[in-house]
């Protein structure tokens, strides 16, 4: 039963890789990469169950955290084109309201 589950997860991973390659927009590709990471976590968990090694669950949990952080980093990079601090652009002060000038004599 769990062998069929592992095969189904592997097929889902192959389909996700196809979506990653074909995806029309950047966000579709990032979503496919995140889905691939999630199915990888599921596959690691199922393989750990099949082999009787519960320490695979620790590896799967660590991989899930790396997948989450990696997705955030990729999205931040494509939004700001930088991974570090965003340099502040000097702007002119906002002049929405100026006090009236005193009349000159």
Protein backbone atom coordinates (compact mmCIF):
# COMPACT_ATOMS: atom_id res chain seq x y z
CA UNK A 1 0.00 0.00 0.00
CA UNK A 2 2.72 2.48 0.97
CA UNK A 3 4.76 1.41 -2.04
CA UNK A 4 1.93 2.63 -4.26
CA UNK A 5 1.90 5.87 -2.30
CA UNK A 6 5.62 6.35 -2.92
CA UNK A 7 5.12 5.70 -6.65
CA UNK A 8 2.21 8.17 -6.78
CA UNK A 9 4.31 10.83 -5.03
CA UNK A 10 7.15 10.20 -7.48
CA UNK A 11 4.76 10.64 -10.43
CA UNK A 12 3.52 13.88 -8.86
CA UNK A 13 7.15 15.03 -8.59
CA UNK A 14 7.73 14.34 -12.29
CA UNK A 15 4.59 16.28 -13.23
CA UNK A 16 5.69 19.14 -10.99
CA UNK A 17 9.08 19.21 -12.73
CA UNK A 18 7.25 19.44 -16.04
CA UNK A 19 5.27 22.39 -14.70
CA UNK A 20 8.49 23.96 -13.46
CA UNK A 21 9.96 23.73 -16.96
CA UNK A 22 6.85 24.89 -18.87
CA UNK A 23 5.43 27.45 -16.44
CA UNK A 24 4.51 30.61 -18.33
CA UNK A 25 5.38 33.09 -15.59
CA UNK A 26 8.03 33.32 -12.94
CA UNK A 27 5.53 32.89 -10.12
CA UNK A 28 4.22 29.66 -11.67
CA UNK A 29 7.77 28.34 -11.64
CA UNK A 30 8.32 29.37 -8.02
CA UNK A 31 5.04 27.71 -7.06
CA UNK A 32 6.08 24.54 -8.89
CA UNK A 33 9.44 24.59 -7.11
CA UNK A 34 7.68 24.93 -3.76
CA UNK A 35 5.30 22.09 -4.65
CA UNK A 36 8.28 19.95 -5.67
CA UNK A 37 9.86 20.58 -2.28
CA UNK A 38 6.64 19.64 -0.52
CA UNK A 39 6.30 16.38 -2.44
CA UNK A 40 9.95 15.65 -1.69
CA UNK A 41 9.19 16.02 2.01
CA UNK A 42 6.29 13.59 1.60
CA UNK A 43 8.47 11.12 -0.28
CA UNK A 44 11.19 11.26 2.39
CA UNK A 45 8.56 10.62 5.06
CA UNK A 46 7.07 7.65 3.21
CA UNK A 47 10.49 6.14 2.49
CA UNK A 48 11.38 6.57 6.16
CA UNK A 49 8.20 4.72 7.08
CA UNK A 50 8.85 1.93 4.58
CA UNK A 51 12.42 1.38 5.75
CA UNK A 52 11.48 1.63 9.42
CA UNK A 53 13.80 4.56 10.09
CA UNK A 54 11.99 7.30 12.02
CA UNK A 55 15.03 9.59 11.78
CA UNK A 56 13.98 10.27 8.17
CA UNK A 57 11.16 12.37 9.61
CA UNK A 58 13.76 14.71 11.13
CA UNK A 59 15.41 15.01 7.72
CA UNK A 60 12.04 15.68 6.10
CA UNK A 61 11.24 18.39 8.64
CA UNK A 62 14.59 20.07 8.05
CA UNK A 63 14.05 19.90 4.30
CA UNK A 64 10.61 21.49 4.72
CA UNK A 65 12.15 24.42 6.62
CA UNK A 66 14.84 24.86 3.96
CA UNK A 67 12.15 24.73 1.27
CA UNK A 68 10.13 27.45 3.00
CA UNK A 69 13.08 29.77 3.54
CA UNK A 70 14.31 29.17 0.00
CA UNK A 71 10.94 30.14 -1.45
CA UNK A 72 10.91 33.38 0.55
CA UNK A 73 14.46 34.19 -0.56
CA UNK A 74 13.67 33.58 -4.22
CA UNK A 75 10.56 35.76 -4.11
CA UNK A 76 12.44 38.55 -2.30
CA UNK A 77 15.24 38.43 -4.85
CA UNK A 78 12.89 38.68 -7.81
CA UNK A 79 10.97 41.52 -6.22
CA UNK A 80 13.86 43.71 -5.05
CA UNK A 81 16.74 42.34 -7.20
CA UNK A 82 18.84 42.11 -4.04
CA UNK A 83 19.10 39.77 -1.07
CA UNK A 84 20.60 42.15 1.48
CA UNK A 85 19.34 45.44 2.78
CA UNK A 86 17.60 47.62 0.26
CA UNK A 87 19.44 50.93 -0.12
CA UNK A 88 17.28 53.92 0.65
CA UNK A 89 16.77 56.35 -2.19
CA UNK A 90 17.14 59.99 -1.23
CA UNK A 91 13.98 61.85 -2.03
CA UNK A 92 12.99 65.45 -1.97
CA UNK A 93 10.95 66.37 1.10
CA UNK A 94 7.22 66.16 0.67
CA UNK A 95 5.88 69.68 0.12
CA UNK A 96 2.21 69.03 0.49
CA UNK A 97 1.67 72.13 2.66
CA UNK A 98 3.92 75.14 3.03
CA UNK A 99 3.31 77.95 5.50
CA UNK A 100 2.44 81.24 3.86
CA UNK A 101 5.36 83.53 3.16
CA UNK A 102 5.55 86.78 5.07
CA UNK A 103 5.00 89.79 2.86
CA UNK A 104 8.14 91.73 2.07
CA UNK A 105 8.13 95.47 2.65
